[in-house]
Amino acid sequence: MQPHRTTDEPARPPVAAPAPCERLAYGIQLPIQSQSTIYAEPWEAGAAPGDLVEVARAADRAGFDYIAACDHVAIPRRLASAMSTVWYDPVATLAHLAGVTERVRLLSHVAVVGLRHPLLTAKQYATLDHLSGGRLVLGVGAGHVQEEFEVLGVDFAGRGAVLDESIDAVRKALGPEEFPEHHGKLYDFEGLGQRPRPAQSHVPLWVGGSSPAAVRRAALKGDGWLPQGDPRDRLPAQIERIRRLREEACVEGPFTVGAIAEPLYVGTPAWDTGRRTLSGAPETLAESLRAYRAMGVDQIQVRFRSRDRQELTDQITAFGADIGPHL
C-alpha cells in the first residue's frame, strides 16, 4: 500500500544508503489503546478492536521492532477531559496482539508496577512472555495520577521508592527461579512458585521518565531508558548522565537508549499535519532520524499523523519499506 498523496505529488525518490553503522531500531506506541488529547487523532475515538489489530499487523509486517501499550487503571474526573478515560489494559492488549502478530516485540510503555504486588506483575508478564514466545519488553514507570494510587492503597508521595523496590522484586520474580525470593522493606516473599516461566532467560526491563530520579533509576536499575518527551537538544546531556552514572557505579551489560521522535508524515501531506510534524521525501526523513543514532540513541518511538486507520497503516508500510532500512 502507498500513503495518501495528492495526484500531482511525485513518486518517492530512492533513499541513499547510510555509511555502515549500527542500526537505529524503531517501534510505535499503538493508537486507540490510549487516547490522551496530547497525541490521539480524531478518528481513534470511533475505532474498533479490529482497527487496533490491523495497525499491529501492519507494524509487524513493516519490520517495526516493537508495538507498545500504556497503563492507567482509572482516570479521575478532573483529568478526564485532557487524558480521556480510554486506556486499555496493557497485559490484555499485548496478549491479544501477540496472537495476531508473528515477530514484533511487545512493550509496556509504561507499566506502573508500583500499583500492583510484584508477584502479580510477574505472573501477568511472565505469562505474556511465555505465550508470545519471548517477545516481551517490560517498560516501567513511577506513575503520576495521585487518585490511582490512593484508591489502590499505594503511597503516592513515596512512589519512587515503591518503584525502586518493585523493580528489584519483579526482576527476581521474572528470573530463572520457579520459587523466587525477595526480602525488602515493602515486599517479602519466598517459597511461592510461579509457572509458566518467561520464555526469555532475561526479560529486558526499560525504565521510563525524564526527571533526574527517573534517569538515575534507568541508569542503575534498567536495561534501557524510555524518555518522556525530551526534545532533541536535551538528549545528549541525558545520555551522557546515564553513561556517567553507570560508569561510576560499575554497572555493566547492554543498555538501550530510547527517544520519542517528532510526529512524522511520509511524503507531502495534502492536509495540515501541524507545525511540529516532520514530513517529506523518505531520504529527508531518514537523514533527520539518523541524527538520533549519532547522539547515542539506540531506538526511536515513531508516531504518524493520520486521518483514518487506512492512512496510518499506509504510513507504517511506507516507513518500513522506504525509511527503516536506511536507519
Protein backbone atom coordinates (compact mmCIF):
# COMPACT_ATOMS: atom_id res chain seq x y z
CA MET A 1 0.00 0.00 0.00
CA GLN A 2 1.09 3.57 -0.65
CA PRO A 3 0.44 6.52 1.67
CA HIS A 4 -2.29 9.04 0.85
CA ARG A 5 -0.95 11.62 -1.58
CA THR A 6 -2.25 14.23 -3.95
CA THR A 7 -2.44 13.29 -7.63
CA ASP A 8 0.37 15.68 -8.58
CA GLU A 9 2.74 14.53 -5.84
CA PRO A 10 5.90 12.99 -7.34
CA ALA A 11 6.89 9.42 -6.58
CA ARG A 12 9.13 8.96 -3.57
CA PRO A 13 12.79 9.13 -4.57
CA PRO A 14 15.08 6.31 -3.50
CA VAL A 15 16.98 6.77 -0.28
CA ALA A 16 20.74 6.66 -0.37
CA ALA A 17 22.15 4.06 2.00
CA PRO A 18 23.96 5.50 5.01
CA ALA A 19 27.52 4.70 5.92
CA PRO A 20 27.86 1.38 7.74
CA CYS A 21 26.90 1.73 11.43
CA GLU A 22 24.72 0.11 14.00
CA ARG A 23 21.07 0.06 13.07
CA LEU A 24 18.67 2.52 14.72
CA ALA A 25 15.72 0.43 15.85
CA TYR A 26 12.18 1.80 15.69
CA GLY A 27 8.88 1.00 17.34
CA ILE A 28 5.45 2.52 17.76
CA GLN A 29 3.05 3.25 20.59
CA LEU A 30 -0.22 1.93 19.27
CA PRO A 31 -3.18 4.22 18.63
CA ILE A 32 -6.65 3.53 20.01
CA GLN A 33 -5.43 1.77 23.20
CA SER A 34 -4.75 5.15 24.83
CA GLN A 35 -6.44 8.34 23.75
CA SER A 36 -4.90 11.31 25.55
CA THR A 37 -5.71 14.56 23.74
CA ILE A 38 -1.97 15.24 23.59
CA TYR A 39 -1.49 12.74 20.78
CA ALA A 40 -4.70 10.89 19.79
CA GLU A 41 -6.11 11.52 16.31
CA PRO A 42 -9.83 12.30 16.00
CA TRP A 43 -10.60 9.06 14.15
CA GLU A 44 -9.42 6.92 17.08
CA ALA A 45 -12.50 7.76 19.16
CA GLY A 46 -14.66 5.70 16.81
CA ALA A 47 -12.16 2.92 16.17
CA ALA A 48 -12.84 -0.73 16.96
CA PRO A 49 -10.64 -3.61 18.18
CA GLY A 50 -10.26 -4.74 14.57
CA ASP A 51 -8.59 -1.43 13.72
CA LEU A 52 -6.08 -1.93 16.52
CA VAL A 53 -5.31 -5.41 15.21
CA GLU A 54 -4.72 -4.11 11.67
CA VAL A 55 -2.32 -1.43 12.91
CA ALA A 56 -0.37 -4.00 14.93
CA ARG A 57 -0.21 -6.34 11.94
CA ALA A 58 0.99 -3.51 9.70
CA ALA A 59 3.81 -2.72 12.14
CA ASP A 60 4.72 -6.41 12.32
CA ARG A 61 4.89 -6.71 8.54
CA ALA A 62 6.82 -3.45 8.16
CA GLY A 63 9.69 -4.58 10.39
CA PHE A 64 8.96 -2.48 13.45
CA ASP A 65 10.87 -3.66 16.49
CA TYR A 66 8.01 -3.25 18.94
CA ILE A 67 4.44 -2.20 19.47
CA ALA A 68 3.63 -0.52 22.78
CA ALA A 69 0.65 -0.13 25.08
CA CYS A 70 0.20 2.22 28.07
CA ASP A 71 -1.04 1.65 31.62
CA HIS A 72 -3.64 3.53 33.65
CA VAL A 73 -6.14 1.86 35.95
CA ALA A 74 -8.65 4.72 36.29
CA ILE A 75 -8.65 8.40 35.36
CA PRO A 76 -10.10 10.92 37.84
CA ARG A 77 -12.79 13.26 36.60
CA ARG A 78 -10.51 16.28 36.97
CA LEU A 79 -8.14 14.85 34.30
CA ALA A 80 -10.64 13.10 32.04
CA SER A 81 -11.10 15.98 29.59
CA ALA A 82 -7.37 16.02 28.81
CA MET A 83 -6.35 12.39 29.29
CA SER A 84 -9.70 10.77 28.37
CA THR A 85 -10.69 7.58 30.16
CA VAL A 86 -9.70 5.30 27.26
CA TRP A 87 -6.72 3.31 28.48
CA TYR A 88 -6.70 -0.37 27.55
CA ASP A 89 -5.10 -2.79 29.99
CA PRO A 90 -1.57 -3.39 28.65
CA VAL A 91 -1.31 -7.08 29.51
CA ALA A 92 -4.66 -7.98 27.96
CA THR A 93 -3.96 -5.79 24.92
CA LEU A 94 -0.45 -7.06 24.24
CA ALA A 95 -1.51 -10.67 24.80
CA HIS A 96 -4.32 -10.26 22.27
CA LEU A 97 -1.97 -8.69 19.75
CA ALA A 98 0.67 -11.35 20.34
CA GLY A 99 -1.80 -13.84 18.92
CA VAL A 100 -2.30 -11.92 15.67
CA THR A 101 1.34 -10.95 15.01
CA GLU A 102 4.44 -13.03 14.37
CA ARG A 103 7.69 -11.31 15.32
CA VAL A 104 7.20 -7.77 16.66
CA ARG A 105 8.15 -7.29 20.31
CA LEU A 106 5.57 -6.29 22.93
CA LEU A 107 6.40 -3.27 25.09
CA SER A 108 4.56 -1.89 28.10
CA HIS A 109 5.16 1.86 27.85
CA VAL A 110 4.96 2.10 30.71
CA ALA A 111 3.57 -0.29 33.31
CA VAL A 112 3.03 1.43 36.65
CA VAL A 113 4.27 -1.62 38.52
CA GLY A 114 4.07 0.10 41.91
CA LEU A 115 0.27 -0.15 41.75
CA ARG A 116 0.42 -3.94 41.98
CA HIS A 117 2.20 -6.52 44.09
CA PRO A 118 5.38 -7.69 42.31
CA LEU A 119 4.20 -11.31 42.23
CA LEU A 120 1.01 -10.24 40.46
CA THR A 121 3.02 -8.20 37.94
CA ALA A 122 5.39 -11.12 37.41
CA LYS A 123 2.54 -13.60 36.93
CA GLN A 124 0.91 -11.44 34.25
CA TYR A 125 4.03 -10.53 32.29
CA ALA A 126 5.71 -13.94 32.60
CA THR A 127 2.58 -15.47 31.11
CA LEU A 128 2.61 -12.90 28.32
CA ASP A 129 6.26 -13.64 27.54
CA HIS A 130 5.59 -17.39 27.65
CA LEU A 131 2.58 -17.21 25.34
CA SER A 132 4.29 -14.86 22.87
CA GLY A 133 7.44 -16.95 22.57
CA GLY A 134 9.69 -14.44 24.34
CA ARG A 135 8.64 -11.13 22.80
CA LEU A 136 8.11 -9.06 25.96
CA VAL A 137 9.95 -5.85 26.82
CA LEU A 138 8.81 -4.67 30.25
CA GLY A 139 8.76 -0.90 30.40
CA VAL A 140 8.10 0.51 33.88
CA GLY A 141 7.46 3.93 35.35
CA ALA A 142 6.54 5.68 38.58
CA GLY A 143 3.11 6.96 37.52
CA HIS A 144 1.68 10.45 38.01
CA VAL A 145 -2.07 10.21 38.78
CA GLN A 146 -2.47 10.57 42.53
CA GLU A 147 -6.03 9.24 42.70
CA GLU A 148 -5.00 5.93 41.13
CA PHE A 149 -2.54 5.32 43.94
CA GLU A 150 -4.94 6.42 46.65
CA VAL A 151 -7.83 4.20 45.56
CA LEU A 152 -5.49 1.19 45.36
CA GLY A 153 -3.97 1.92 48.74
CA VAL A 154 -0.47 2.78 47.50
CA ASP A 155 1.56 5.71 48.81
CA PHE A 156 1.69 8.33 46.05
CA ALA A 157 4.30 10.55 47.69
CA GLY A 158 6.63 7.58 48.10
CA ARG A 159 6.04 6.12 44.64
CA GLY A 160 9.71 6.48 43.67
CA ALA A 161 10.83 4.23 46.50
CA VAL A 162 7.95 1.86 45.73
CA LEU A 163 9.10 1.62 42.10
CA ASP A 164 12.73 1.07 43.10
CA GLU A 165 11.87 -1.94 45.22
CA SER A 166 9.24 -3.15 42.76
CA ILE A 167 11.89 -3.32 40.04
CA ASP A 168 14.14 -5.44 42.26
CA ALA A 169 11.29 -7.73 43.27
CA VAL A 170 9.88 -8.11 39.76
CA ARG A 171 13.33 -8.90 38.40
CA LYS A 172 13.64 -11.70 40.93
CA ALA A 173 10.17 -12.99 40.10
CA LEU A 174 10.84 -12.91 36.34
CA GLY A 175 14.20 -14.62 36.73
CA PRO A 176 15.04 -18.29 36.27
CA GLU A 177 13.85 -19.49 39.68
CA GLU A 178 10.47 -21.18 39.96
CA PHE A 179 10.40 -20.13 43.62
CA PRO A 180 11.78 -16.57 43.62
CA GLU A 181 12.91 -14.92 46.82
CA HIS A 182 12.86 -11.24 47.77
CA HIS A 183 13.18 -9.60 51.16
CA GLY A 184 12.69 -5.84 51.23
CA LYS A 185 11.07 -3.03 53.16
CA LEU A 186 7.79 -3.21 51.24
CA TYR A 187 7.65 -6.73 49.86
CA ASP A 188 8.76 -10.02 51.36
CA PHE A 189 8.27 -13.39 49.70
CA GLU A 190 9.85 -16.81 49.34
CA GLY A 191 8.68 -20.37 48.89
CA LEU A 192 5.95 -19.37 46.43
CA GLY A 193 6.27 -20.92 42.98
CA GLN A 194 5.16 -19.38 39.71
CA ARG A 195 4.87 -21.12 36.38
CA PRO A 196 4.91 -20.73 33.46
CA ARG A 197 8.29 -19.08 33.49
CA PRO A 198 9.15 -16.41 30.89
CA ALA A 199 10.35 -17.79 27.58
CA GLN A 200 13.30 -15.38 27.69
CA SER A 201 16.17 -16.13 30.02
CA HIS A 202 16.31 -12.40 30.76
CA VAL A 203 13.28 -10.14 30.19
CA PRO A 204 14.53 -6.67 29.18
CA LEU A 205 13.39 -4.01 31.64
CA TRP A 206 13.32 -0.41 30.39
CA VAL A 207 12.69 2.46 32.81
CA GLY A 208 10.56 5.40 31.71
CA GLY A 209 10.71 9.03 32.72
CA SER A 210 12.92 12.09 32.28
CA SER A 211 13.19 13.53 35.79
CA PRO A 212 16.60 13.31 37.46
CA ALA A 213 15.32 10.47 39.66
CA ALA A 214 13.92 8.56 36.68
CA VAL A 215 17.13 8.92 34.67
CA ARG A 216 19.17 7.72 37.63
CA ARG A 217 16.80 4.78 38.13
CA ALA A 218 17.11 3.83 34.46
CA ALA A 219 20.90 4.02 34.56
CA LEU A 220 21.32 1.95 37.70
CA LYS A 221 18.38 -0.47 37.62
CA GLY A 222 17.29 -0.75 33.99
CA ASP A 223 18.34 -2.42 30.77
CA GLY A 224 17.19 0.66 28.91
CA TRP A 225 15.73 4.17 29.17
CA LEU A 226 12.39 5.39 27.81
CA PRO A 227 12.44 9.21 27.94
CA GLN A 228 9.21 11.13 28.37
CA GLY A 229 9.15 13.79 25.69
CA ASP A 230 12.75 15.02 25.82
CA PRO A 231 13.40 17.22 22.76
CA ARG A 232 16.48 16.50 20.69
CA ASP A 233 18.56 19.22 22.28
CA ARG A 234 18.11 17.71 25.77
CA LEU A 235 19.01 14.17 24.84
CA PRO A 236 22.82 14.38 24.64
CA ALA A 237 23.11 15.64 28.23
CA GLN A 238 20.69 12.97 29.49
CA ILE A 239 22.56 10.24 27.64
CA GLU A 240 25.88 11.44 28.99
CA ARG A 241 24.47 11.42 32.53
CA ILE A 242 23.32 7.83 32.10
CA ARG A 243 26.74 6.83 30.82
CA ARG A 244 28.46 8.56 33.73
CA LEU A 245 26.14 7.07 36.37
CA ARG A 246 26.64 3.55 35.04
CA GLU A 247 30.39 4.02 34.86
CA GLU A 248 30.63 5.40 38.41
CA ALA A 249 28.51 2.54 39.77
CA CYS A 250 30.41 -0.07 37.69
CA VAL A 251 27.14 -1.20 36.09
CA GLU A 252 27.87 -3.35 33.06
CA GLY A 253 25.85 -5.05 30.36
CA PRO A 254 23.82 -3.96 27.33
CA PHE A 255 21.76 -0.80 27.69
CA THR A 256 19.19 0.55 25.23
CA VAL A 257 18.77 4.32 24.98
CA GLY A 258 15.41 5.38 23.59
CA ALA A 259 13.86 8.56 22.22
CA ILE A 260 10.44 9.68 21.07
CA ALA A 261 10.72 11.21 17.62
CA GLU A 262 8.69 14.13 16.36
CA PRO A 263 5.36 13.30 14.66
CA LEU A 264 6.01 12.04 11.12
CA TYR A 265 4.31 12.01 7.74
CA VAL A 266 5.98 10.12 4.89
CA GLY A 267 5.54 12.16 1.72
CA THR A 268 3.91 15.53 1.18
CA PRO A 269 0.65 15.75 3.14
CA ALA A 270 -2.46 17.18 1.49
CA TRP A 271 -3.70 18.44 4.84
CA ASP A 272 -2.41 20.39 7.83
CA THR A 273 -0.37 17.93 9.93
CA GLY A 274 0.84 20.55 12.41
CA ARG A 275 3.99 22.64 12.60
CA ARG A 276 6.00 20.08 14.58
CA THR A 277 5.42 17.25 12.11
CA LEU A 278 8.40 16.10 10.07
CA SER A 279 7.26 15.39 6.52
CA GLY A 280 8.78 14.99 3.11
CA ALA A 281 10.66 12.52 0.98
CA PRO A 282 11.95 9.33 2.62
CA GLU A 283 15.56 10.38 2.16
CA THR A 284 14.88 13.63 4.03
CA LEU A 285 13.17 11.87 6.92
CA ALA A 286 15.82 9.15 7.11
CA GLU A 287 18.59 11.74 7.31
CA SER A 288 16.76 13.60 10.08
CA LEU A 289 16.14 10.44 12.13
CA ARG A 290 19.72 9.21 11.74
CA ALA A 291 20.74 12.21 13.84
CA TYR A 292 19.30 10.36 16.83
CA ARG A 293 21.73 7.50 16.28
CA ALA A 294 24.61 9.94 16.03
CA MET A 295 23.86 11.28 19.52
CA GLY A 296 23.80 7.80 21.07
CA VAL A 297 20.15 6.75 20.75
CA ASP A 298 19.55 3.05 20.07
CA GLN A 299 15.80 3.02 19.38
CA ILE A 300 13.22 5.63 18.48
CA GLN A 301 9.49 5.54 19.01
CA VAL A 302 7.71 6.99 16.00
CA ARG A 303 4.21 8.39 15.60
CA PHE A 304 2.45 9.20 12.35
CA ARG A 305 -0.19 11.82 11.69
CA SER A 306 -3.25 10.27 10.05
CA ARG A 307 -6.92 10.92 9.27
CA ASP A 308 -8.06 7.31 9.43
CA ARG A 309 -6.79 3.81 10.02
CA GLN A 310 -6.00 3.21 6.36
CA GLU A 311 -3.81 6.28 6.17
CA LEU A 312 -1.99 5.20 9.30
CA THR A 313 -1.29 1.69 8.03
CA ASP A 314 -0.16 3.19 4.71
CA GLN A 315 2.26 5.42 6.60
CA ILE A 316 3.58 2.49 8.62
CA THR A 317 4.08 0.46 5.44
CA ALA A 318 5.86 3.31 3.68
CA PHE A 319 8.14 3.91 6.65
CA GLY A 320 9.11 0.25 6.86
CA ALA A 321 9.80 0.00 3.13
CA ASP A 322 11.47 3.33 2.39
CA ILE A 323 12.96 4.64 5.64
CA GLY A 324 13.52 1.78 8.09
CA PRO A 325 16.21 0.02 6.01
CA HIS A 326 18.25 3.24 5.96
CA LEU A 327 18.37 3.87 9.68
